[in-house]
Amino acid sequence: MLYNICAYFQLDGCLPLPLRAAAAFFIALGLSLLCGPKLIDFLRHHQKKGQPIREDGPQSHLLTKKGTPTMGGLLILGSSILTVLLLADLSNALVWICILVLLVYGFVGFADDYVKVTKQTANAMSAKMKLFLQFTTAFAAVTVITLLTPEPSRYLLTFPWFKHLALNLWLFYIPFAMVVIAGASNAVNLSDGLDGLASGLLVASFAVFMIIAGICGSSMNEYFYILPIPHAGEIAVVCAAVIGGCIGFLWFNAAPAQVFMGDTGSLALGALLGTVAVIVKHEILLAVVGGVFVIEALSVMIQVAYYRKTGGKRFFKMAPIHHHFEQCGWPETRVVIRFWIAALALAVLGLTALILK
């Protein structure tokens, strides 16, 4: 139905890509700002105790965050998907892959959040079940993306800042790309621990890949170090919609947060970020642009490994690393803003990899 409406008004044909991307940003932003208060009231009504707060976390969180509802990621997903359905070219299979990744990973996160708030436990869905669903979805997405990618570039792994260096991973590319998507999903999920942190970091990362997608799907790619990927330009509309949704959500998630993103949003948006990186063939660049996410994930892995090896000692005061800085005495807002600054710097650094030929 929405496709017919879109085709009737020719929103995906008469409007140039940059204009549709700009419209997607503002429409998603407006939808999230408009629907935010109603969704928050709905979540508060159905989540009497809100999201359970870690007992071993910063003690200030037990006082300031207790009772805050979660599943706020529904606001981002809803506004983004609706906007994409209205403005993107729905005959483009890459657009549908992005939508399905958001829906499936969003459902996994929603199920996890639902158990948390109904049973008031921080441990809901088992890690094995969550990883199984994540990797199964990633496999399906990567398989279709690979088939849609031109033969010469299908299994290539490009290296930022090295124009003529690319590695053909052959069939090993599929499991590698699956790790990229599932890894990005979990890395963003680990970063969603402070008011406004994950949504701000996502805006910086998606902005870079919006630019990359817009270039690699157009004739401009010959002037940049970007592989030409037919029809990938439409992904810029998807990224713009997500950016608008994230900024609208940030209005309500900024400290003190009225609602948390929850696994509903963080798992889905992280997976989408990884999916976009796979589509435009810049998986390694994702590790640079999303460097804060990588550090957050590494801090958890280091903490767990060190704890097991030393029989209970901790490498960081607390993991993920944003909590370590809180335990060092940094106010929450200082941690968030400095992490945003780091993400912005990494985004600019990532853009330098696209230097003119």
Protein backbone atom coordinates (compact mmCIF):
# COMPACT_ATOMS: atom_id res chain seq x y z
CA MET A 1 0.00 0.00 0.00
CA LEU A 2 2.72 2.45 0.97
CA TYR A 3 4.64 1.47 -2.13
CA ASN A 4 1.62 2.35 -4.25
CA ILE A 5 1.31 5.71 -2.49
CA CYS A 6 5.00 6.38 -3.04
CA ALA A 7 4.75 5.40 -6.70
CA TYR A 8 1.59 7.49 -7.15
CA PHE A 9 3.31 10.64 -5.91
CA GLN A 10 6.56 9.58 -7.62
CA LEU A 11 8.56 10.46 -4.52
CA ASP A 12 11.28 8.01 -5.51
CA GLY A 13 11.52 9.17 -9.10
CA CYS A 14 10.97 12.90 -9.51
CA LEU A 15 13.04 13.97 -6.53
CA PRO A 16 16.84 13.71 -6.72
CA LEU A 17 18.62 11.55 -4.16
CA PRO A 18 20.10 14.40 -2.06
CA LEU A 19 16.69 16.03 -1.75
CA ARG A 20 15.03 12.76 -0.74
CA ALA A 21 17.78 12.13 1.82
CA ALA A 22 17.24 15.60 3.29
CA ALA A 23 13.48 15.05 3.33
CA ALA A 24 13.99 11.66 5.01
CA PHE A 25 16.01 13.29 7.76
CA PHE A 26 13.42 15.95 8.53
CA ILE A 27 10.40 13.63 8.25
CA ALA A 28 11.95 11.03 10.57
CA LEU A 29 13.00 13.79 12.96
CA GLY A 30 9.49 15.26 12.96
CA LEU A 31 7.83 11.87 13.45
CA SER A 32 10.06 10.99 16.39
CA LEU A 33 9.53 14.37 18.06
CA LEU A 34 5.78 14.17 17.48
CA CYS A 35 5.30 10.56 18.62
CA GLY A 36 7.89 10.58 21.41
CA PRO A 37 5.70 11.87 24.26
CA LYS A 38 2.87 9.45 23.47
CA LEU A 39 5.21 6.48 23.25
CA ILE A 40 6.91 7.40 26.52
CA ASP A 41 3.54 7.69 28.28
CA PHE A 42 2.54 4.30 26.86
CA LEU A 43 5.77 2.66 28.01
CA ARG A 44 5.51 4.20 31.48
CA HIS A 45 1.98 2.91 31.83
CA HIS A 46 2.96 -0.65 30.88
CA GLN A 47 6.36 -0.70 32.61
CA LYS A 48 5.56 0.10 36.21
CA LYS A 49 9.14 -0.38 37.42
CA GLY A 50 10.92 0.59 34.21
CA GLN A 51 14.16 -0.98 33.05
CA PRO A 52 15.99 -2.96 35.76
CA ILE A 53 19.22 -1.23 36.79
CA ARG A 54 22.43 -3.21 37.36
CA GLU A 55 23.05 -3.68 41.09
CA ASP A 56 26.82 -3.82 40.46
CA GLY A 57 26.76 -0.64 38.38
CA PRO A 58 27.42 2.95 39.43
CA GLN A 59 25.40 3.60 42.57
CA SER A 60 24.18 6.93 41.20
CA HIS A 61 22.26 5.04 38.50
CA LEU A 62 20.17 3.27 41.14
CA LEU A 63 18.98 6.69 42.31
CA THR A 64 18.65 8.65 39.06
CA LYS A 65 17.60 6.02 36.51
CA LYS A 66 15.32 3.72 38.47
CA GLY A 67 11.81 3.59 36.99
CA THR A 68 12.82 4.94 33.57
CA PRO A 69 11.04 2.99 30.81
CA THR A 70 12.96 1.18 28.10
CA MET A 71 12.16 0.05 24.50
CA GLY A 72 12.54 3.65 23.31
CA GLY A 73 14.25 2.24 20.24
CA LEU A 74 10.75 1.66 18.90
CA LEU A 75 10.60 5.41 18.31
CA ILE A 76 13.69 5.35 16.10
CA LEU A 77 12.73 2.18 14.26
CA GLY A 78 9.16 3.28 13.67
CA SER A 79 9.99 6.76 12.40
CA SER A 80 12.89 5.50 10.27
CA ILE A 81 11.08 2.59 8.63
CA LEU A 82 7.96 4.64 7.87
CA THR A 83 10.10 7.38 6.33
CA VAL A 84 12.05 4.88 4.22
CA LEU A 85 8.78 3.35 2.96
CA LEU A 86 7.61 6.81 1.92
CA LEU A 87 10.77 8.14 0.27
CA ALA A 88 13.05 5.30 -0.80
CA ASP A 89 12.85 3.35 -4.05
CA LEU A 90 11.02 0.24 -2.89
CA SER A 91 11.99 -1.66 -6.04
CA ASN A 92 15.56 -1.63 -4.70
CA ALA A 93 16.34 -4.93 -2.94
CA LEU A 94 19.07 -3.31 -0.84
CA VAL A 95 16.47 -1.07 0.80
CA TRP A 96 14.40 -4.10 1.78
CA ILE A 97 17.44 -5.84 3.23
CA CYS A 98 17.99 -2.84 5.51
CA ILE A 99 14.33 -2.80 6.55
CA LEU A 100 14.31 -6.54 7.30
CA VAL A 101 17.53 -6.29 9.32
CA LEU A 102 15.95 -3.52 11.40
CA LEU A 103 12.78 -5.54 11.91
CA VAL A 104 14.40 -8.88 12.81
CA TYR A 105 17.09 -7.48 15.09
CA GLY A 106 14.53 -5.09 16.54
CA PHE A 107 12.26 -8.05 17.33
CA VAL A 108 15.14 -9.89 19.04
CA GLY A 109 15.89 -6.80 21.12
CA PHE A 110 12.20 -6.24 21.89
CA ALA A 111 11.84 -9.82 23.14
CA ASP A 112 14.89 -9.35 25.35
CA ASP A 113 13.61 -6.03 26.73
CA TYR A 114 10.14 -7.49 27.32
CA VAL A 115 11.50 -10.27 29.50
CA LYS A 116 13.67 -7.79 31.39
CA VAL A 117 10.84 -5.45 32.29
CA THR A 118 8.26 -8.15 33.02
CA LYS A 119 10.55 -10.30 35.17
CA GLN A 120 12.69 -7.39 36.42
CA THR A 121 15.93 -9.15 35.57
CA ALA A 122 19.02 -7.95 33.75
CA ASN A 123 19.50 -11.44 32.29
CA ALA A 124 16.72 -12.19 29.83
CA MET A 125 17.33 -14.03 26.56
CA SER A 126 20.31 -16.39 26.70
CA ALA A 127 23.48 -15.28 24.92
CA LYS A 128 23.45 -18.42 22.76
CA MET A 129 19.90 -17.82 21.56
CA LYS A 130 20.57 -14.16 20.87
CA LEU A 131 23.74 -14.92 18.89
CA PHE A 132 21.98 -17.67 16.94
CA LEU A 133 19.24 -15.29 15.81
CA GLN A 134 21.76 -12.53 15.05
CA PHE A 135 24.04 -14.71 12.94
CA THR A 136 21.16 -16.44 11.13
CA THR A 137 19.76 -13.07 10.08
CA ALA A 138 23.23 -11.80 9.18
CA PHE A 139 23.82 -14.87 7.00
CA ALA A 140 20.61 -14.26 5.06
CA ALA A 141 21.40 -10.55 4.62
CA VAL A 142 25.01 -11.11 3.55
CA THR A 143 24.06 -13.84 1.08
CA VAL A 144 21.58 -11.58 -0.71
CA ILE A 145 23.92 -8.56 -0.61
CA THR A 146 26.72 -10.65 -2.09
CA LEU A 147 24.52 -11.84 -4.94
CA LEU A 148 23.50 -8.23 -5.68
CA THR A 149 27.09 -6.99 -5.70
CA PRO A 150 28.86 -6.89 -9.11
CA GLU A 151 31.05 -9.93 -9.75
CA PRO A 152 34.48 -8.17 -9.62
CA SER A 153 33.74 -6.62 -6.20
CA ARG A 154 31.62 -9.42 -4.71
CA TYR A 155 34.13 -10.85 -2.25
CA LEU A 156 36.55 -7.94 -2.00
CA LEU A 157 37.70 -6.46 1.28
CA THR A 158 38.91 -2.89 0.79
CA PHE A 159 41.43 -1.09 2.97
CA PRO A 160 40.93 2.60 3.77
CA TRP A 161 43.75 5.00 2.73
CA PHE A 162 45.25 2.35 0.42
CA LYS A 163 43.73 3.02 -2.98
CA HIS A 164 44.96 -0.05 -4.81
CA LEU A 165 44.87 -2.55 -1.97
CA ALA A 166 41.97 -5.00 -1.82
CA LEU A 167 41.83 -8.58 -0.64
CA ASN A 168 39.63 -11.18 -2.28
CA LEU A 169 38.31 -13.28 0.60
CA TRP A 170 36.35 -15.55 -1.75
CA LEU A 171 33.77 -17.58 0.22
CA PHE A 172 35.41 -16.56 3.49
CA TYR A 173 33.86 -13.15 2.90
CA ILE A 174 30.40 -14.36 3.92
CA PRO A 175 31.34 -15.44 7.48
CA PHE A 176 33.50 -12.32 7.80
CA ALA A 177 30.60 -10.06 6.84
CA MET A 178 28.33 -11.95 9.24
CA VAL A 179 30.75 -11.16 12.07
CA VAL A 180 30.76 -7.49 11.01
CA ILE A 181 26.95 -7.24 11.25
CA ALA A 182 26.52 -9.23 14.46
CA GLY A 183 29.59 -7.61 16.01
CA ALA A 184 28.36 -4.09 15.22
CA SER A 185 24.97 -4.99 16.71
CA ASN A 186 26.48 -6.11 20.01
CA ALA A 187 29.04 -3.29 20.15
CA VAL A 188 26.30 -0.65 19.89
CA ASN A 189 24.29 -2.57 22.47
CA LEU A 190 27.21 -2.40 24.94
CA SER A 191 27.53 1.35 24.34
CA ASP A 192 23.92 1.99 25.33
CA GLY A 193 24.60 2.56 29.02
CA LEU A 194 24.50 6.32 29.53
CA ASP A 195 21.87 8.92 28.67
CA GLY A 196 22.28 9.95 25.03
CA LEU A 197 25.52 8.07 24.46
CA ALA A 198 24.56 5.43 21.88
CA SER A 199 22.22 7.68 19.88
CA GLY A 200 24.85 10.42 19.56
CA LEU A 201 27.53 7.94 18.48
CA LEU A 202 25.16 6.42 15.91
CA VAL A 203 24.45 9.82 14.35
CA ALA A 204 28.17 10.36 13.68
CA SER A 205 28.66 6.88 12.18
CA PHE A 206 25.54 6.90 10.00
CA ALA A 207 26.42 10.36 8.69
CA VAL A 208 29.69 9.04 7.27
CA PHE A 209 28.07 6.02 5.65
CA MET A 210 25.26 8.17 4.28
CA ILE A 211 27.90 10.13 2.38
CA ILE A 212 29.67 6.96 1.23
CA ALA A 213 26.43 5.36 0.04
CA GLY A 214 25.41 8.47 -1.85
CA ILE A 215 28.76 8.55 -3.65
CA CYS A 216 29.23 4.84 -4.43
CA GLY A 217 25.79 4.61 -5.98
CA SER A 218 26.35 7.56 -8.32
CA SER A 219 28.72 8.56 -11.12
CA MET A 220 30.74 10.53 -8.58
CA ASN A 221 32.40 7.34 -7.31
CA GLU A 222 35.04 7.58 -10.05
CA TYR A 223 36.48 10.64 -8.30
CA PHE A 224 36.78 8.96 -4.91
CA TYR A 225 38.26 5.81 -3.47
CA ILE A 226 34.90 4.06 -3.42
CA LEU A 227 33.88 0.95 -5.32
CA PRO A 228 30.88 1.46 -7.62
CA ILE A 229 27.90 -0.43 -6.21
CA PRO A 230 24.79 -0.18 -8.40
CA HIS A 231 21.68 1.05 -6.60
CA ALA A 232 23.57 1.61 -3.32
CA GLY A 233 22.69 5.31 -3.46
CA GLU A 234 19.26 4.54 -2.00
CA ILE A 235 20.96 3.50 1.23
CA ALA A 236 21.73 7.19 1.78
CA VAL A 237 17.97 7.71 2.25
CA VAL A 238 17.92 4.91 4.83
CA CYS A 239 20.87 6.43 6.72
CA ALA A 240 19.34 9.91 6.63
CA ALA A 241 16.08 8.58 8.05
CA VAL A 242 17.92 6.80 10.88
CA ILE A 243 19.91 9.95 11.67
CA GLY A 244 16.68 11.94 11.92
CA GLY A 245 15.10 9.28 14.12
CA CYS A 246 18.15 9.15 16.40
CA ILE A 247 18.28 12.91 16.85
CA GLY A 248 14.55 13.01 17.60
CA PHE A 249 15.02 10.22 20.13
CA LEU A 250 17.97 12.09 21.65
CA TRP A 251 15.56 14.90 22.54
CA PHE A 252 13.96 12.54 25.05
CA ASN A 253 17.05 10.46 25.85
CA ALA A 254 19.36 13.33 26.81
CA ALA A 255 20.23 13.48 30.50
CA PRO A 256 18.15 13.04 32.51
CA ALA A 257 16.63 10.49 30.15
CA GLN A 258 12.86 10.13 29.92
CA VAL A 259 13.27 6.82 28.12
CA PHE A 260 16.06 4.36 27.32
CA MET A 261 16.79 2.97 23.86
CA GLY A 262 16.98 -0.60 25.11
CA ASP A 263 18.04 -3.65 23.13
CA THR A 264 15.10 -2.95 20.83
CA GLY A 265 16.97 -0.03 19.31
CA SER A 266 20.65 -0.73 19.97
CA LEU A 267 20.73 -4.26 18.50
CA ALA A 268 18.77 -3.22 15.42
CA LEU A 269 20.65 0.01 14.70
CA GLY A 270 24.04 -1.61 15.26
CA ALA A 271 23.11 -4.40 12.86
CA LEU A 272 21.94 -1.87 10.28
CA LEU A 273 25.21 0.03 10.59
CA GLY A 274 27.13 -3.18 9.93
CA THR A 275 24.82 -4.04 7.03
CA VAL A 276 25.38 -0.66 5.39
CA ALA A 277 29.15 -1.10 5.75
CA VAL A 278 28.89 -4.48 4.00
CA ILE A 279 26.75 -3.04 1.20
CA VAL A 280 29.22 -0.25 0.40
CA LYS A 281 32.25 -2.54 0.89
CA HIS A 282 33.84 -0.51 3.70
CA GLU A 283 33.84 -2.97 6.59
CA ILE A 284 37.27 -1.99 7.90
CA LEU A 285 36.37 1.68 7.73
CA LEU A 286 33.45 0.88 10.03
CA ALA A 287 35.97 -0.08 12.73
CA VAL A 288 37.54 3.37 12.35
CA VAL A 289 34.38 5.46 12.14
CA GLY A 290 32.75 3.39 14.89
CA GLY A 291 35.95 3.31 16.91
CA VAL A 292 34.16 4.20 20.13
CA PHE A 293 31.89 1.18 19.69
CA VAL A 294 34.96 -1.00 19.10
CA ILE A 295 36.64 0.29 22.27
CA GLU A 296 33.48 -0.31 24.28
CA ALA A 297 33.30 -3.92 23.08
CA LEU A 298 37.03 -4.52 23.59
CA SER A 299 36.83 -3.19 27.14
CA VAL A 300 34.24 -5.85 27.98
CA MET A 301 36.29 -8.63 26.37
CA ILE A 302 39.45 -7.51 28.18
CA GLN A 303 37.61 -7.27 31.49
CA VAL A 304 36.13 -10.77 31.17
CA ALA A 305 39.41 -12.37 30.05
CA TYR A 306 41.44 -10.64 32.77
CA TYR A 307 38.87 -11.53 35.42
CA ARG A 308 39.00 -15.21 34.50
CA LYS A 309 42.78 -15.34 34.19
CA THR A 310 43.50 -13.61 37.50
CA GLY A 311 40.77 -15.32 39.48
CA GLY A 312 38.56 -12.32 40.12
CA LYS A 313 40.70 -9.21 39.58
CA ARG A 314 39.45 -6.43 37.32
CA PHE A 315 41.41 -4.67 34.57
CA PHE A 316 38.99 -1.73 34.51
CA LYS A 317 37.08 -0.42 37.49
CA MET A 318 33.99 -1.38 35.53
CA ALA A 319 33.09 -2.38 31.98
CA PRO A 320 32.01 -1.24 29.44
CA ILE A 321 34.62 1.50 29.59
CA HIS A 322 32.12 4.37 29.88
CA HIS A 323 31.33 3.07 33.38
CA HIS A 324 35.06 2.95 34.16
CA PHE A 325 35.27 6.70 33.65
CA GLU A 326 32.18 7.19 35.81
CA GLN A 327 33.90 5.21 38.58
CA CYS A 328 36.92 7.49 38.14
CA GLY A 329 34.71 10.42 39.12
CA TRP A 330 33.64 11.80 35.75
CA PRO A 331 30.04 13.06 35.66
CA GLU A 332 27.83 11.16 33.25
CA THR A 333 27.38 14.13 30.92
CA ARG A 334 31.16 14.63 30.71
CA VAL A 335 31.66 11.02 29.65
CA VAL A 336 28.92 11.28 27.02
CA ILE A 337 30.12 14.56 25.52
CA ARG A 338 33.76 13.45 25.37
CA PHE A 339 32.77 10.18 23.73
CA TRP A 340 30.73 12.20 21.22
CA ILE A 341 33.79 14.35 20.50
CA ALA A 342 35.87 11.22 19.93
CA ALA A 343 33.19 9.86 17.58
CA LEU A 344 33.10 13.12 15.62
CA ALA A 345 36.88 13.11 15.27
CA LEU A 346 36.83 9.49 14.06
CA ALA A 347 34.07 10.32 11.58
CA VAL A 348 36.19 13.10 10.07
CA LEU A 349 39.19 10.75 10.02
CA GLY A 350 37.09 8.15 8.23
CA LEU A 351 36.06 10.64 5.57
CA THR A 352 39.72 11.28 4.74
CA ALA A 353 39.86 7.68 3.48
CA LEU A 354 37.65 8.79 0.60
CA ILE A 355 40.24 11.24 -0.74
CA LEU A 356 40.14 12.23 -4.36
CA LYS A 357 41.99 9.99 -6.77
